[in-house]
Amino acid sequence: MLFAYYKIIKVMAIKLLLNSKEILEKKFAGAPRGYDPIAVDEFLDKIINDYLLIEKNILEDASYVQGLLDTIERLKKEKSDLEIELGRYKERFSNIKASDNVTTDNMELLKKVNKYERFIYRIGYNPKDIK
């Protein structure tokens, strides 16, 4: 999607001096020995400028595409490295079991401990001093 957007911007940015219709319909003033060489040279200069602009844009697009390809390769390597790291973590934590009961049981135990600590405080003892 980004590349298509970039191409639209690039096409809009190119303002050619000539189009195919103007080239086809161009008439040169006659001279005693043929066409006026100055008029032909001016017209060919416009064509050359258009082609230079197109060549420049092609080179810019090629470097942009190469940059995207380099980024793709870098991201593929990062993905591969992250997949390897993920595999290591999966292996490391494979003995840990995920269960909703554990969380619920822990919460119930924490509530009971909190209730007992408040009771011990009320009767005048510090629960941290009890061993």
N, C-alpha and C. Protein backbone atom coordinates (compact mmCIF):
# COMPACT_ATOMS: atom_id res chain seq x y z
N MET A 1 0.83 -1.19 0.00
CA MET A 1 0.00 0.00 0.00
C MET A 1 0.87 1.26 0.00
N LEU A 2 1.92 1.25 0.82
CA LEU A 2 2.81 2.40 0.90
C LEU A 2 3.50 2.63 -0.44
N PHE A 3 3.92 1.54 -1.08
CA PHE A 3 4.62 1.68 -2.36
C PHE A 3 3.69 2.27 -3.42
N ALA A 4 2.43 1.84 -3.45
CA ALA A 4 1.47 2.38 -4.42
C ALA A 4 1.27 3.87 -4.17
N TYR A 5 1.17 4.27 -2.90
CA TYR A 5 1.00 5.68 -2.55
C TYR A 5 2.21 6.48 -3.00
N TYR A 6 3.39 5.92 -2.80
CA TYR A 6 4.63 6.59 -3.20
C TYR A 6 4.65 6.79 -4.72
N LYS A 7 4.23 5.76 -5.46
CA LYS A 7 4.23 5.85 -6.92
C LYS A 7 3.27 6.94 -7.40
N ILE A 8 2.11 7.07 -6.77
CA ILE A 8 1.15 8.10 -7.16
C ILE A 8 1.76 9.48 -6.95
N ILE A 9 2.41 9.67 -5.83
CA ILE A 9 3.04 10.96 -5.54
C ILE A 9 4.12 11.25 -6.59
N LYS A 10 4.93 10.24 -6.93
CA LYS A 10 5.99 10.42 -7.90
C LYS A 10 5.42 10.80 -9.27
N VAL A 11 4.33 10.14 -9.69
CA VAL A 11 3.74 10.44 -10.98
C VAL A 11 3.19 11.85 -10.99
N MET A 12 2.58 12.25 -9.89
CA MET A 12 2.02 13.60 -9.81
C MET A 12 3.14 14.65 -9.82
N ALA A 13 4.30 14.31 -9.29
CA ALA A 13 5.39 15.27 -9.19
C ALA A 13 6.08 15.51 -10.54
N ILE A 14 5.94 14.58 -11.48
CA ILE A 14 6.59 14.72 -12.77
C ILE A 14 5.75 15.64 -13.65
N LYS A 15 6.33 16.73 -14.09
CA LYS A 15 5.66 17.66 -15.00
C LYS A 15 6.51 17.73 -16.25
N LEU A 16 6.16 16.92 -17.24
CA LEU A 16 6.92 16.87 -18.48
C LEU A 16 6.61 18.09 -19.33
N LEU A 17 7.60 18.52 -20.06
CA LEU A 17 7.45 19.68 -20.93
C LEU A 17 6.66 19.34 -22.18
N LEU A 18 6.70 18.08 -22.61
CA LEU A 18 6.03 17.65 -23.83
C LEU A 18 5.18 16.42 -23.56
N ASN A 19 4.22 16.22 -24.46
CA ASN A 19 3.50 14.95 -24.43
C ASN A 19 3.54 14.36 -25.83
N SER A 20 3.05 13.14 -25.98
CA SER A 20 3.18 12.46 -27.26
C SER A 20 2.45 13.20 -28.38
N LYS A 21 1.34 13.83 -28.07
CA LYS A 21 0.57 14.57 -29.09
C LYS A 21 1.37 15.77 -29.60
N GLU A 22 2.01 16.49 -28.68
CA GLU A 22 2.81 17.65 -29.09
C GLU A 22 3.99 17.22 -29.96
N ILE A 23 4.61 16.10 -29.62
CA ILE A 23 5.74 15.62 -30.41
C ILE A 23 5.26 15.22 -31.81
N LEU A 24 4.13 14.52 -31.86
CA LEU A 24 3.61 14.06 -33.14
C LEU A 24 3.19 15.23 -34.04
N GLU A 25 2.59 16.25 -33.46
CA GLU A 25 2.04 17.35 -34.26
C GLU A 25 3.01 18.51 -34.45
N LYS A 26 4.22 18.39 -33.96
CA LYS A 26 5.19 19.48 -34.07
C LYS A 26 5.51 19.76 -35.54
N LYS A 27 5.40 21.01 -35.93
CA LYS A 27 5.72 21.46 -37.29
C LYS A 27 6.90 22.43 -37.19
N PHE A 28 7.88 22.20 -38.02
CA PHE A 28 9.04 23.08 -38.06
C PHE A 28 8.91 24.01 -39.25
N ALA A 29 9.35 25.23 -39.04
CA ALA A 29 9.31 26.21 -40.14
C ALA A 29 10.33 25.81 -41.21
N GLY A 30 9.92 25.91 -42.41
CA GLY A 30 10.81 25.53 -43.50
C GLY A 30 11.93 26.52 -43.68
N ALA A 31 13.03 26.07 -44.12
CA ALA A 31 14.18 26.89 -44.41
C ALA A 31 14.58 26.57 -45.85
N PRO A 32 15.37 27.43 -46.45
CA PRO A 32 15.73 27.19 -47.85
C PRO A 32 16.33 25.80 -48.08
N ARG A 33 17.05 25.30 -47.12
CA ARG A 33 17.67 23.98 -47.30
C ARG A 33 17.05 22.95 -46.35
N GLY A 34 15.83 23.08 -45.94
CA GLY A 34 15.18 22.13 -45.04
C GLY A 34 14.64 22.83 -43.82
N TYR A 35 14.64 22.17 -42.69
CA TYR A 35 14.10 22.71 -41.45
C TYR A 35 15.08 23.68 -40.80
N ASP A 36 14.52 24.56 -39.99
CA ASP A 36 15.34 25.53 -39.26
C ASP A 36 16.11 24.78 -38.18
N PRO A 37 17.42 24.69 -38.24
CA PRO A 37 18.19 23.92 -37.26
C PRO A 37 18.04 24.42 -35.83
N ILE A 38 17.84 25.70 -35.62
CA ILE A 38 17.68 26.23 -34.25
C ILE A 38 16.36 25.74 -33.66
N ALA A 39 15.27 25.76 -34.44
CA ALA A 39 13.98 25.28 -33.95
C ALA A 39 14.05 23.79 -33.63
N VAL A 40 14.71 23.02 -34.50
CA VAL A 40 14.85 21.58 -34.26
C VAL A 40 15.68 21.35 -33.00
N ASP A 41 16.75 22.09 -32.82
CA ASP A 41 17.59 21.94 -31.62
C ASP A 41 16.81 22.29 -30.35
N GLU A 42 16.03 23.35 -30.38
CA GLU A 42 15.23 23.72 -29.20
C GLU A 42 14.23 22.63 -28.86
N PHE A 43 13.58 22.10 -29.90
CA PHE A 43 12.61 21.03 -29.67
C PHE A 43 13.29 19.78 -29.11
N LEU A 44 14.42 19.41 -29.67
CA LEU A 44 15.15 18.23 -29.18
C LEU A 44 15.69 18.46 -27.76
N ASP A 45 16.03 19.69 -27.42
CA ASP A 45 16.46 20.00 -26.05
C ASP A 45 15.33 19.72 -25.06
N LYS A 46 14.10 20.08 -25.43
CA LYS A 46 12.95 19.79 -24.55
C LYS A 46 12.78 18.28 -24.37
N ILE A 47 12.91 17.55 -25.47
CA ILE A 47 12.77 16.08 -25.39
C ILE A 47 13.88 15.50 -24.50
N ILE A 48 15.10 15.99 -24.68
CA ILE A 48 16.22 15.50 -23.86
C ILE A 48 15.97 15.81 -22.39
N ASN A 49 15.47 17.00 -22.07
CA ASN A 49 15.18 17.34 -20.67
C ASN A 49 14.13 16.41 -20.09
N ASP A 50 13.10 16.10 -20.88
CA ASP A 50 12.08 15.16 -20.40
C ASP A 50 12.68 13.79 -20.13
N TYR A 51 13.50 13.32 -21.03
CA TYR A 51 14.10 12.01 -20.84
C TYR A 51 15.06 11.99 -19.66
N LEU A 52 15.79 13.06 -19.45
CA LEU A 52 16.67 13.14 -18.27
C LEU A 52 15.86 13.09 -16.98
N LEU A 53 14.72 13.79 -16.97
CA LEU A 53 13.85 13.77 -15.79
C LEU A 53 13.31 12.36 -15.54
N ILE A 54 12.90 11.70 -16.61
CA ILE A 54 12.38 10.33 -16.47
C ILE A 54 13.48 9.39 -15.98
N GLU A 55 14.68 9.51 -16.54
CA GLU A 55 15.80 8.67 -16.10
C GLU A 55 16.13 8.91 -14.64
N LYS A 56 16.10 10.16 -14.22
CA LYS A 56 16.37 10.48 -12.81
C LYS A 56 15.32 9.83 -11.91
N ASN A 57 14.04 9.91 -12.30
CA ASN A 57 12.98 9.30 -11.50
C ASN A 57 13.10 7.79 -11.47
N ILE A 58 13.51 7.20 -12.57
CA ILE A 58 13.70 5.75 -12.60
C ILE A 58 14.81 5.35 -11.64
N LEU A 59 15.91 6.11 -11.62
CA LEU A 59 17.00 5.81 -10.69
C LEU A 59 16.57 5.99 -9.24
N GLU A 60 15.80 7.04 -8.97
CA GLU A 60 15.30 7.26 -7.61
C GLU A 60 14.38 6.12 -7.19
N ASP A 61 13.49 5.70 -8.10
CA ASP A 61 12.59 4.60 -7.79
C ASP A 61 13.36 3.31 -7.55
N ALA A 62 14.40 3.08 -8.35
CA ALA A 62 15.20 1.88 -8.18
C ALA A 62 15.89 1.88 -6.82
N SER A 63 16.41 3.02 -6.40
CA SER A 63 17.06 3.08 -5.08
C SER A 63 16.03 2.93 -3.97
N TYR A 64 14.84 3.47 -4.17
CA TYR A 64 13.77 3.32 -3.17
C TYR A 64 13.36 1.86 -3.05
N VAL A 65 13.21 1.19 -4.18
CA VAL A 65 12.85 -0.23 -4.16
C VAL A 65 13.96 -1.04 -3.51
N GLN A 66 15.21 -0.72 -3.81
CA GLN A 66 16.32 -1.44 -3.18
C GLN A 66 16.31 -1.24 -1.67
N GLY A 67 16.01 -0.02 -1.23
CA GLY A 67 15.90 0.24 0.21
C GLY A 67 14.79 -0.59 0.84
N LEU A 68 13.66 -0.72 0.15
CA LEU A 68 12.56 -1.54 0.66
C LEU A 68 12.97 -3.01 0.73
N LEU A 69 13.67 -3.49 -0.30
CA LEU A 69 14.12 -4.88 -0.29
C LEU A 69 15.11 -5.12 0.85
N ASP A 70 15.99 -4.17 1.10
CA ASP A 70 16.93 -4.30 2.23
C ASP A 70 16.18 -4.35 3.55
N THR A 71 15.16 -3.49 3.68
CA THR A 71 14.35 -3.49 4.90
C THR A 71 13.63 -4.82 5.08
N ILE A 72 13.11 -5.37 4.00
CA ILE A 72 12.43 -6.67 4.06
C ILE A 72 13.39 -7.74 4.55
N GLU A 73 14.60 -7.76 4.01
CA GLU A 73 15.59 -8.75 4.43
C GLU A 73 15.95 -8.59 5.90
N ARG A 74 16.11 -7.34 6.35
CA ARG A 74 16.44 -7.09 7.76
C ARG A 74 15.31 -7.57 8.66
N LEU A 75 14.07 -7.29 8.26
CA LEU A 75 12.92 -7.70 9.06
C LEU A 75 12.75 -9.22 9.07
N LYS A 76 13.07 -9.88 7.96
CA LYS A 76 13.02 -11.34 7.93
C LYS A 76 14.03 -11.92 8.92
N LYS A 77 15.24 -11.32 8.97
CA LYS A 77 16.25 -11.82 9.90
C LYS A 77 15.80 -11.59 11.34
N GLU A 78 15.25 -10.39 11.62
CA GLU A 78 14.75 -10.11 12.96
C GLU A 78 13.65 -11.09 13.35
N LYS A 79 12.76 -11.39 12.41
CA LYS A 79 11.67 -12.34 12.67
C LYS A 79 12.24 -13.71 12.99
N SER A 80 13.23 -14.13 12.21
CA SER A 80 13.86 -15.43 12.45
C SER A 80 14.51 -15.47 13.83
N ASP A 81 15.23 -14.40 14.19
CA ASP A 81 15.87 -14.33 15.51
C ASP A 81 14.82 -14.38 16.62
N LEU A 82 13.70 -13.65 16.44
CA LEU A 82 12.65 -13.65 17.45
C LEU A 82 11.96 -15.01 17.57
N GLU A 83 11.81 -15.71 16.45
CA GLU A 83 11.23 -17.05 16.50
C GLU A 83 12.13 -18.00 17.27
N ILE A 84 13.44 -17.87 17.08
CA ILE A 84 14.40 -18.70 17.83
C ILE A 84 14.29 -18.38 19.31
N GLU A 85 14.24 -17.10 19.65
CA GLU A 85 14.13 -16.69 21.05
C GLU A 85 12.82 -17.18 21.65
N LEU A 86 11.74 -17.10 20.89
CA LEU A 86 10.44 -17.59 21.35
C LEU A 86 10.51 -19.08 21.66
N GLY A 87 11.18 -19.82 20.77
CA GLY A 87 11.34 -21.26 21.01
C GLY A 87 12.08 -21.53 22.30
N ARG A 88 13.12 -20.74 22.59
CA ARG A 88 13.87 -20.91 23.84
C ARG A 88 12.98 -20.64 25.05
N TYR A 89 12.16 -19.57 24.97
CA TYR A 89 11.27 -19.26 26.10
C TYR A 89 10.20 -20.33 26.27
N LYS A 90 9.68 -20.84 25.16
CA LYS A 90 8.67 -21.90 25.27
C LYS A 90 9.27 -23.12 25.95
N GLU A 91 10.50 -23.47 25.57
CA GLU A 91 11.16 -24.61 26.19
C GLU A 91 11.43 -24.35 27.67
N ARG A 92 11.85 -23.14 27.98
CA ARG A 92 12.19 -22.77 29.36
C ARG A 92 10.97 -22.81 30.27
N PHE A 93 9.83 -22.34 29.74
CA PHE A 93 8.62 -22.25 30.56
C PHE A 93 7.62 -23.36 30.27
N SER A 94 8.07 -24.44 29.66
CA SER A 94 7.15 -25.51 29.29
C SER A 94 6.56 -26.22 30.51
N ASN A 95 7.26 -26.18 31.64
CA ASN A 95 6.75 -26.86 32.83
C ASN A 95 5.73 -26.03 33.61
N ILE A 96 5.56 -24.77 33.24
CA ILE A 96 4.57 -23.92 33.90
C ILE A 96 3.22 -24.18 33.24
N LYS A 97 2.23 -24.47 34.06
CA LYS A 97 0.91 -24.77 33.52
C LYS A 97 0.00 -23.57 33.72
N ALA A 98 -0.65 -23.19 32.67
CA ALA A 98 -1.59 -22.08 32.74
C ALA A 98 -2.96 -22.63 33.12
N SER A 99 -3.53 -22.06 34.18
CA SER A 99 -4.85 -22.52 34.61
C SER A 99 -5.55 -21.37 35.32
N ASP A 100 -6.84 -21.24 35.06
CA ASP A 100 -7.62 -20.21 35.73
C ASP A 100 -7.79 -20.52 37.21
N ASN A 101 -7.80 -21.79 37.56
CA ASN A 101 -7.98 -22.19 38.96
C ASN A 101 -6.83 -21.69 39.83
N VAL A 102 -5.63 -21.72 39.30
CA VAL A 102 -4.48 -21.27 40.07
C VAL A 102 -4.66 -19.80 40.45
N THR A 103 -5.05 -18.97 39.52
CA THR A 103 -5.25 -17.56 39.78
C THR A 103 -6.37 -17.35 40.80
N THR A 104 -7.45 -18.06 40.64
CA THR A 104 -8.57 -17.94 41.57
C THR A 104 -8.17 -18.42 42.96
N ASP A 105 -7.47 -19.54 43.01
CA ASP A 105 -7.01 -20.06 44.30
C ASP A 105 -6.07 -19.08 44.98
N ASN A 106 -5.15 -18.51 44.22
CA ASN A 106 -4.21 -17.54 44.80
C ASN A 106 -4.95 -16.32 45.34
N MET A 107 -5.94 -15.83 44.62
CA MET A 107 -6.70 -14.68 45.09
C MET A 107 -7.43 -15.01 46.39
N GLU A 108 -8.00 -16.19 46.46
CA GLU A 108 -8.69 -16.59 47.69
C GLU A 108 -7.72 -16.67 48.86
N LEU A 109 -6.53 -17.24 48.60
CA LEU A 109 -5.53 -17.32 49.66
C LEU A 109 -5.08 -15.93 50.11
N LEU A 110 -4.88 -15.01 49.18
CA LEU A 110 -4.48 -13.66 49.54
C LEU A 110 -5.56 -12.95 50.36
N LYS A 111 -6.81 -13.17 50.03
CA LYS A 111 -7.90 -12.58 50.80
C LYS A 111 -7.90 -13.10 52.23
N LYS A 112 -7.66 -14.42 52.38
CA LYS A 112 -7.63 -15.01 53.73
C LYS A 112 -6.46 -14.47 54.54
N VAL A 113 -5.28 -14.38 53.90
CA VAL A 113 -4.10 -13.86 54.59
C VAL A 113 -4.35 -12.42 55.02
N ASN A 114 -4.93 -11.61 54.13
CA ASN A 114 -5.24 -10.22 54.45
C ASN A 114 -6.22 -10.14 55.63
N LYS A 115 -7.21 -11.00 55.65
CA LYS A 115 -8.20 -11.02 56.74
C LYS A 115 -7.53 -11.37 58.07
N TYR A 116 -6.63 -12.38 58.04
CA TYR A 116 -5.93 -12.77 59.27
C TYR A 116 -4.98 -11.67 59.75
N GLU A 117 -4.28 -11.00 58.82
CA GLU A 117 -3.38 -9.92 59.21
C GLU A 117 -4.15 -8.78 59.87
N ARG A 118 -5.30 -8.42 59.32
CA ARG A 118 -6.10 -7.35 59.93
C ARG A 118 -6.56 -7.76 61.34
N PHE A 119 -6.94 -9.02 61.51
CA PHE A 119 -7.36 -9.50 62.83
C PHE A 119 -6.21 -9.40 63.82
N ILE A 120 -4.99 -9.81 63.37
CA ILE A 120 -3.83 -9.78 64.27
C ILE A 120 -3.48 -8.34 64.63
N TYR A 121 -3.58 -7.40 63.67
CA TYR A 121 -3.35 -5.99 63.97
C TYR A 121 -4.34 -5.48 65.01
N ARG A 122 -5.60 -5.88 64.85
CA ARG A 122 -6.64 -5.40 65.78
C ARG A 122 -6.40 -5.86 67.22
N ILE A 123 -5.83 -7.03 67.36
CA ILE A 123 -5.61 -7.50 68.73
C ILE A 123 -4.27 -7.02 69.30
N GLY A 124 -3.51 -6.24 68.47
CA GLY A 124 -2.33 -5.58 69.00
C GLY A 124 -1.00 -6.19 68.63
N TYR A 125 -0.95 -7.10 67.70
CA TYR A 125 0.33 -7.70 67.28
C TYR A 125 0.68 -7.25 65.86
N ASN A 126 2.00 -7.21 65.60
CA ASN A 126 2.48 -6.91 64.26
C ASN A 126 2.73 -8.24 63.54
N PRO A 127 2.02 -8.55 62.45
CA PRO A 127 2.18 -9.82 61.76
C PRO A 127 3.60 -10.05 61.23
N LYS A 128 4.36 -8.99 60.98
CA LYS A 128 5.71 -9.15 60.46
C LYS A 128 6.66 -9.65 61.55
N ASP A 129 6.29 -9.44 62.82
CA ASP A 129 7.14 -9.91 63.92
C ASP A 129 6.93 -11.38 64.22
N ILE A 130 5.82 -11.94 63.77
CA ILE A 130 5.50 -13.36 64.03
C ILE A 130 6.30 -14.22 63.07
N LYS A 131 6.98 -15.22 63.63
CA LYS A 131 7.79 -16.12 62.79
C LYS A 131 7.22 -17.49 62.73
